[in-house]
Protein backbone atom coordinates (compact mmCIF):
# COMPACT_ATOMS: atom_id res chain seq x y z
CA UNK A 1 -6.87 -0.43 -6.29
CA UNK A 2 -10.32 -0.69 -7.64
CA UNK A 3 -11.61 -1.37 -11.16
CA UNK A 4 -14.92 0.03 -12.06
CA UNK A 5 -16.74 -1.45 -14.89
CA UNK A 6 -19.99 -0.28 -16.60
CA UNK A 7 -21.78 -2.27 -19.21
CA UNK A 8 -24.50 -1.64 -21.61
CA UNK A 9 -25.92 -3.59 -24.63
CA UNK A 10 -26.13 -1.76 -27.94
CA UNK A 11 -29.02 -2.57 -30.29
CA UNK A 12 -27.58 -4.44 -33.18
CA UNK A 13 -29.04 -2.16 -35.72
CA UNK A 14 -27.30 0.73 -33.99
CA UNK A 15 -24.09 -0.90 -33.04
CA UNK A 16 -21.74 1.39 -35.06
CA UNK A 17 -23.47 4.51 -33.73
CA UNK A 18 -23.43 3.19 -30.18
CA UNK A 19 -19.66 2.42 -30.48
CA UNK A 20 -18.88 5.88 -31.84
CA UNK A 21 -20.98 7.48 -28.80
CA UNK A 22 -19.32 5.22 -26.36
CA UNK A 23 -15.89 6.59 -27.27
CA UNK A 24 -17.21 10.26 -27.19
CA UNK A 25 -18.95 9.74 -23.75
CA UNK A 26 -15.57 8.15 -22.40
CA UNK A 27 -13.66 11.18 -23.48
CA UNK A 28 -16.15 13.47 -21.73
CA UNK A 29 -16.07 11.21 -18.62
CA UNK A 30 -12.34 11.23 -18.61
CA UNK A 31 -12.20 14.90 -18.80
CA UNK A 32 -14.55 15.21 -15.80
CA UNK A 33 -13.13 12.44 -13.66
CA UNK A 34 -9.53 13.52 -14.33
CA UNK A 35 -8.46 9.88 -15.11
CA UNK A 36 -8.75 7.50 -18.21
CA UNK A 37 -11.99 5.96 -19.01
CA UNK A 38 -11.50 2.95 -21.41
CA UNK A 39 -13.97 1.59 -23.95
CA UNK A 40 -14.14 -2.21 -24.75
CA UNK A 41 -16.17 -4.25 -27.01
CA UNK A 42 -17.01 -8.00 -26.51
CA UNK A 43 -15.90 -10.82 -28.85
CA UNK A 44 -16.30 -14.62 -29.12
CA UNK A 45 -18.41 -14.52 -26.08
CA UNK A 46 -21.98 -14.14 -24.85
CA UNK A 47 -23.56 -10.74 -25.08
CA UNK A 48 -21.66 -10.00 -28.22
CA UNK A 49 -23.39 -6.43 -28.55
CA UNK A 50 -22.21 -5.44 -24.96
CA UNK A 51 -20.08 -2.36 -24.57
CA UNK A 52 -17.96 -1.63 -21.40
CA UNK A 53 -16.37 1.42 -19.88
CA UNK A 54 -13.79 0.86 -17.22
CA UNK A 55 -11.79 3.08 -14.97
CA UNK A 56 -9.29 2.37 -12.12
CA UNK A 57 -9.57 4.32 -8.73
CA UNK A 58 -7.11 4.16 -5.73
CA UNK A 59 -9.93 3.88 -3.26
CA UNK A 60 -13.77 3.89 -3.15
CA UNK A 61 -13.69 7.35 -1.59
CA UNK A 62 -11.84 8.34 -4.61
CA UNK A 63 -14.38 6.88 -6.85
CA UNK A 64 -17.29 8.68 -4.96
CA UNK A 65 -15.44 12.04 -5.15
CA UNK A 66 -14.81 11.84 -8.85
CA UNK A 67 -18.08 10.18 -10.04
CA UNK A 68 -19.87 13.05 -8.39
CA UNK A 69 -18.55 15.20 -10.99
CA UNK A 70 -20.52 13.20 -13.56
CA UNK A 71 -23.85 13.54 -11.88
CA UNK A 72 -23.48 17.22 -11.57
CA UNK A 73 -22.64 17.91 -15.24
CA UNK A 74 -25.72 18.71 -17.39
CA UNK A 75 -24.01 18.13 -20.78
CA UNK A 76 -22.99 14.69 -19.78
CA UNK A 77 -26.38 13.81 -18.51
CA UNK A 78 -27.97 15.25 -21.72
CA UNK A 79 -25.61 13.03 -23.88
CA UNK A 80 -26.47 9.90 -21.95
CA UNK A 81 -30.23 10.66 -22.38
CA UNK A 82 -29.99 11.32 -25.97
CA UNK A 83 -28.12 7.97 -26.56
CA UNK A 84 -30.73 5.81 -24.94
CA UNK A 85 -32.41 4.78 -28.30
CA UNK A 86 -29.01 3.21 -29.21
CA UNK A 87 -29.05 0.55 -26.49
CA UNK A 88 -31.61 -1.80 -24.91
CA UNK A 89 -31.86 -3.21 -21.38
CA UNK A 90 -30.37 -1.42 -18.20
CA UNK A 91 -26.99 -0.10 -17.40
CA UNK A 92 -24.97 -2.52 -15.25
CA UNK A 93 -22.13 -1.47 -12.94
CA UNK A 94 -19.72 -3.38 -10.94
CA UNK A 95 -16.60 -2.71 -8.82
CA UNK A 96 -13.78 -5.15 -8.19
CA UNK A 97 -11.09 -4.80 -5.69
CA UNK A 98 -7.66 -5.75 -7.17
CA UNK A 99 -5.45 -7.88 -5.11
CA UNK A 100 -2.57 -9.22 -6.98
CA UNK A 101 -0.72 -9.02 -10.39
CA UNK A 102 -1.01 -5.23 -11.00
CA UNK A 103 2.25 -4.73 -12.99
CA UNK A 104 3.02 -3.18 -16.38
CA UNK A 105 1.09 -0.66 -18.31
CA UNK A 106 -2.53 -1.55 -18.71
CA UNK A 107 -2.89 1.03 -21.61
CA UNK A 108 -0.67 -1.39 -23.65
CA UNK A 109 -3.34 -4.11 -23.56
CA UNK A 110 -5.80 -4.23 -26.45
CA UNK A 111 -7.25 -7.52 -25.59
CA UNK A 112 -8.26 -8.95 -22.25
CA UNK A 113 -9.37 -12.33 -21.32
CA UNK A 114 -11.69 -12.40 -18.24
CA UNK A 115 -12.57 -15.33 -16.00
CA UNK A 116 -15.30 -14.95 -13.29
CA UNK A 117 -16.18 -17.21 -10.37
CA UNK A 118 -17.98 -17.34 -7.20
CA UNK A 119 -16.63 -18.71 -3.84
CA UNK A 120 -18.47 -21.73 -2.47
CA UNK A 121 -20.30 -21.21 0.77
CA UNK A 122 -17.77 -21.20 3.59
CA UNK A 123 -14.69 -21.25 1.24
CA UNK A 124 -14.27 -17.43 0.81
CA UNK A 125 -10.81 -17.25 2.28
CA UNK A 126 -9.85 -20.45 0.38
CA UNK A 127 -11.06 -19.05 -2.92
CA UNK A 128 -9.16 -15.75 -2.41
CA UNK A 129 -5.95 -17.57 -1.40
CA UNK A 130 -6.24 -19.93 -4.42
CA UNK A 131 -7.18 -17.21 -6.74
CA UNK A 132 -3.85 -15.49 -5.96
CA UNK A 133 -1.93 -18.44 -6.57
CA UNK A 134 -3.52 -19.21 -9.94
CA UNK A 135 -3.04 -15.65 -11.08
CA UNK A 136 0.72 -15.90 -10.13
CA UNK A 137 1.04 -19.20 -11.99
CA UNK A 138 -0.72 -18.07 -14.95
CA UNK A 139 1.57 -15.00 -15.10
CA UNK A 140 4.65 -17.13 -14.75
CA UNK A 141 3.59 -19.81 -17.21
CA UNK A 142 1.98 -17.68 -19.98
CA UNK A 143 4.23 -14.58 -19.88
CA UNK A 144 1.45 -12.01 -19.48
CA UNK A 145 0.27 -10.36 -16.21
CA UNK A 146 -2.82 -11.80 -14.90
CA UNK A 147 -4.52 -9.69 -12.16
CA UNK A 148 -6.85 -11.21 -9.59
CA UNK A 149 -9.59 -9.26 -7.58
CA UNK A 150 -12.69 -9.83 -5.60
CA UNK A 151 -16.16 -8.47 -6.17
CA UNK A 152 -17.01 -5.26 -4.20
CA UNK A 153 -20.57 -5.37 -5.74
CA UNK A 154 -22.67 -8.06 -7.44
CA UNK A 155 -22.34 -11.70 -6.38
CA UNK A 156 -21.09 -12.14 -2.82
CA UNK A 157 -17.81 -14.01 -2.98
CA UNK A 158 -17.27 -13.09 -6.74
CA UNK A 159 -13.75 -13.41 -7.96
CA UNK A 160 -12.19 -12.21 -11.13
CA UNK A 161 -8.97 -12.94 -13.21
CA UNK A 162 -7.88 -10.46 -16.00
CA UNK A 163 -5.03 -11.35 -18.44
CA UNK A 164 -4.42 -8.50 -20.95
CA UNK A 165 -2.20 -8.56 -24.08
CA UNK A 166 -1.14 -5.97 -26.70
CA UNK A 167 -2.40 -8.31 -29.60
CA UNK A 168 -4.65 -11.36 -30.04
CA UNK A 169 -1.55 -13.40 -31.12
CA UNK A 170 0.07 -12.46 -27.74
CA UNK A 171 -2.93 -13.64 -25.81
CA UNK A 172 -3.55 -16.78 -27.80
CA UNK A 173 0.17 -17.81 -27.22
CA UNK A 174 -0.08 -17.25 -23.46
CA UNK A 175 -3.31 -19.16 -23.29
CA UNK A 176 -1.72 -22.09 -25.10
CA UNK A 177 1.19 -22.30 -22.75
CA UNK A 178 -1.11 -21.99 -19.69
CA UNK A 179 -3.44 -24.65 -20.82
CA UNK A 180 -0.81 -27.01 -21.97
CA UNK A 181 0.97 -26.93 -18.71
CA UNK A 182 0.17 -30.06 -16.53
CA UNK A 183 1.40 -28.15 -13.32
CA UNK A 184 -0.95 -25.18 -14.05
CA UNK A 185 -3.90 -27.42 -14.78
CA UNK A 186 -3.38 -29.45 -11.57
CA UNK A 187 -3.21 -26.11 -9.63
CA UNK A 188 -6.50 -25.11 -10.94
CA UNK A 189 -8.08 -28.39 -10.31
CA UNK A 190 -6.82 -28.66 -6.74
CA UNK A 191 -8.79 -25.49 -5.67
CA UNK A 192 -12.15 -26.54 -7.38
CA UNK A 193 -13.82 -27.18 -4.02
CA UNK A 194 -13.39 -23.50 -3.16
CA UNK A 195 -15.63 -22.34 -5.94
CA UNK A 196 -19.31 -22.74 -7.19
CA UNK A 197 -19.61 -24.63 -10.33
CA UNK A 198 -20.63 -21.52 -12.42
CA UNK A 199 -17.25 -19.99 -13.75
CA UNK A 200 -17.48 -17.89 -16.97
CA UNK A 201 -14.99 -16.43 -19.35
CA UNK A 202 -15.17 -13.74 -21.94
CA UNK A 203 -12.86 -11.97 -24.34
CA UNK A 204 -12.81 -8.15 -24.86
CA UNK A 205 -11.08 -5.83 -27.33
CA UNK A 206 -10.23 -2.14 -26.81
CA UNK A 207 -12.04 0.43 -28.61
CA UNK A 208 -10.45 3.43 -26.90
């Protein structure tokens, strides 16, 4: 399974309008693609005005086939063009291949904690193996499903962990359990050599 993510930064003075448009265009895209497109905001993290659209696909060929429907729809293209003044900067797309932890109903998650890292040179296999172990341990310790995946585009060797929760309280409780568990912390530290020292973390809330 693959997770597509598109981000764009809203102008602060137009954030409310941009958020409303993001939901409308997601509904249009969902109709054209035949699959759910979710909208997310960023909170307590860098780039606070960033809005994200996410969508899951079984294969890259599935993505290519479905996304061509967007490119061929004039109403969709016109709406995107008309909304340009609400945003600044460029559109950024990424695709992640999900490897482990895909369980439960993603639609039940209203908050998602995301950790990104990049494998050190010569340690890609070790980074992936360790990433799967960390995701499994986080799920078992924190009580929420942590998904692990690798970057299809973007930084070569990029990896990602996503932990979703219905409420912020649920996510906080899970994080507290994980961070307070000596065995989990030791597991994370044991694989440090597999990664470059540039890991980032961010928190996102569901808009639609």
